[in-house]
Amino acid sequence: MMPMAATVPFGDSLLLLIAFLTLASISVFAFVDVVRRRDLSRSWKGLWIVVVFVPPFLGTLVYLLFRPAGATRAEREAMEKADPDSPR
């Protein structure tokens, strides 16, 4: 009996690894973004974390699509630089 690794071509394995690492990185980004947001209560953060990780790709996509602009500190600083008269 041949081992499973011997039946899958190297290029296919590499492509699968790159796709997995990309999706995992985006999911980790979404998780960190949820945890660092100050405009969400703990219950909303918990709900978003479940949404991000239960259906991994779909949940992350939903979070990134519905995430408000200016949710991260860098985005807020960039918006304040562009319009210094805006309220904080």
Protein backbone atom coordinates (compact mmCIF):
# COMPACT_ATOMS: atom_id res chain seq x y z
CA MET A 1 0.00 0.00 0.00
CA MET A 2 1.34 3.40 -1.02
CA PRO A 3 1.44 6.30 1.49
CA MET A 4 -1.00 9.12 0.80
CA ALA A 5 1.79 11.67 0.29
CA ALA A 6 3.19 9.65 -2.60
CA THR A 7 -0.07 9.86 -4.56
CA VAL A 8 -0.49 13.66 -4.48
CA PRO A 9 1.75 15.68 -6.83
CA PHE A 10 4.05 18.25 -5.21
CA GLY A 11 2.50 21.18 -7.10
CA ASP A 12 -0.98 20.31 -5.85
CA SER A 13 0.28 20.00 -2.29
CA LEU A 14 2.07 23.35 -2.52
CA LEU A 15 -1.01 25.07 -3.95
CA LEU A 16 -3.18 23.61 -1.19
CA LEU A 17 -0.68 24.75 1.45
CA ILE A 18 -0.59 28.30 0.06
CA ALA A 19 -4.41 28.46 -0.06
CA PHE A 20 -4.67 27.17 3.51
CA LEU A 21 -2.07 29.61 4.85
CA THR A 22 -3.78 32.52 3.09
CA LEU A 23 -7.19 31.66 4.53
CA ALA A 24 -5.70 31.02 7.98
CA SER A 25 -3.91 34.40 7.89
CA ILE A 26 -7.09 36.24 6.95
CA SER A 27 -9.00 34.46 9.73
CA VAL A 28 -6.32 35.36 12.28
CA PHE A 29 -6.44 38.99 11.09
CA ALA A 30 -10.22 39.04 11.53
CA PHE A 31 -9.91 37.51 15.02
CA VAL A 32 -7.30 40.06 16.12
CA ASP A 33 -9.37 42.87 14.63
CA VAL A 34 -12.46 41.76 16.56
CA VAL A 35 -10.55 41.48 19.84
CA ARG A 36 -8.90 44.91 19.48
CA ARG A 37 -12.06 46.82 18.58
CA ARG A 38 -13.20 49.11 21.36
CA ASP A 39 -16.61 49.90 19.94
CA LEU A 40 -17.93 46.37 20.58
CA SER A 41 -19.12 44.95 23.88
CA ARG A 42 -17.83 41.58 25.07
CA SER A 43 -20.98 39.81 23.93
CA TRP A 44 -20.70 41.27 20.41
CA LYS A 45 -17.01 40.35 20.28
CA GLY A 46 -17.90 36.80 21.29
CA LEU A 47 -20.58 36.61 18.63
CA TRP A 48 -18.22 37.89 15.93
CA ILE A 49 -15.52 35.43 16.98
CA VAL A 50 -18.02 32.57 16.61
CA VAL A 51 -19.08 33.94 13.20
CA VAL A 52 -15.45 34.16 12.07
CA PHE A 53 -14.41 30.66 13.18
CA VAL A 54 -17.47 28.40 12.91
CA PRO A 55 -17.86 28.67 9.12
CA PRO A 56 -14.19 29.60 8.58
CA PHE A 57 -14.04 31.15 5.10
CA LEU A 58 -17.62 32.38 4.91
CA GLY A 59 -17.62 33.82 8.43
CA THR A 60 -14.38 35.71 7.87
CA LEU A 61 -15.70 37.09 4.59
CA VAL A 62 -18.93 38.23 6.28
CA TYR A 63 -16.98 39.98 9.06
CA LEU A 64 -14.64 41.76 6.65
CA LEU A 65 -17.55 42.92 4.49
CA PHE A 66 -19.61 44.28 7.41
CA ARG A 67 -16.73 45.67 9.48
CA PRO A 68 -17.09 49.44 9.82
CA ALA A 69 -14.56 51.78 8.27
CA GLY A 70 -12.16 53.09 10.88
CA ALA A 71 -12.34 49.96 13.00
CA THR A 72 -8.57 49.82 13.44
CA ARG A 73 -6.32 52.38 15.07
CA ALA A 74 -4.34 52.96 11.86
CA GLU A 75 -7.53 53.67 9.92
CA ARG A 76 -8.76 56.08 12.60
CA GLU A 77 -5.43 57.93 12.61
CA ALA A 78 -5.45 58.18 8.82
CA MET A 79 -9.01 59.53 8.86
CA GLU A 80 -8.12 62.08 11.57
CA LYS A 81 -5.11 63.24 9.55
CA ALA A 82 -7.29 63.70 6.49
CA ASP A 83 -9.95 65.63 8.43
CA PRO A 84 -8.61 67.08 11.71
CA ASP A 85 -11.96 68.75 12.51
CA SER A 86 -13.81 65.44 12.75
CA PRO A 87 -15.02 64.36 16.21
CA ARG A 88 -13.17 61.49 17.88
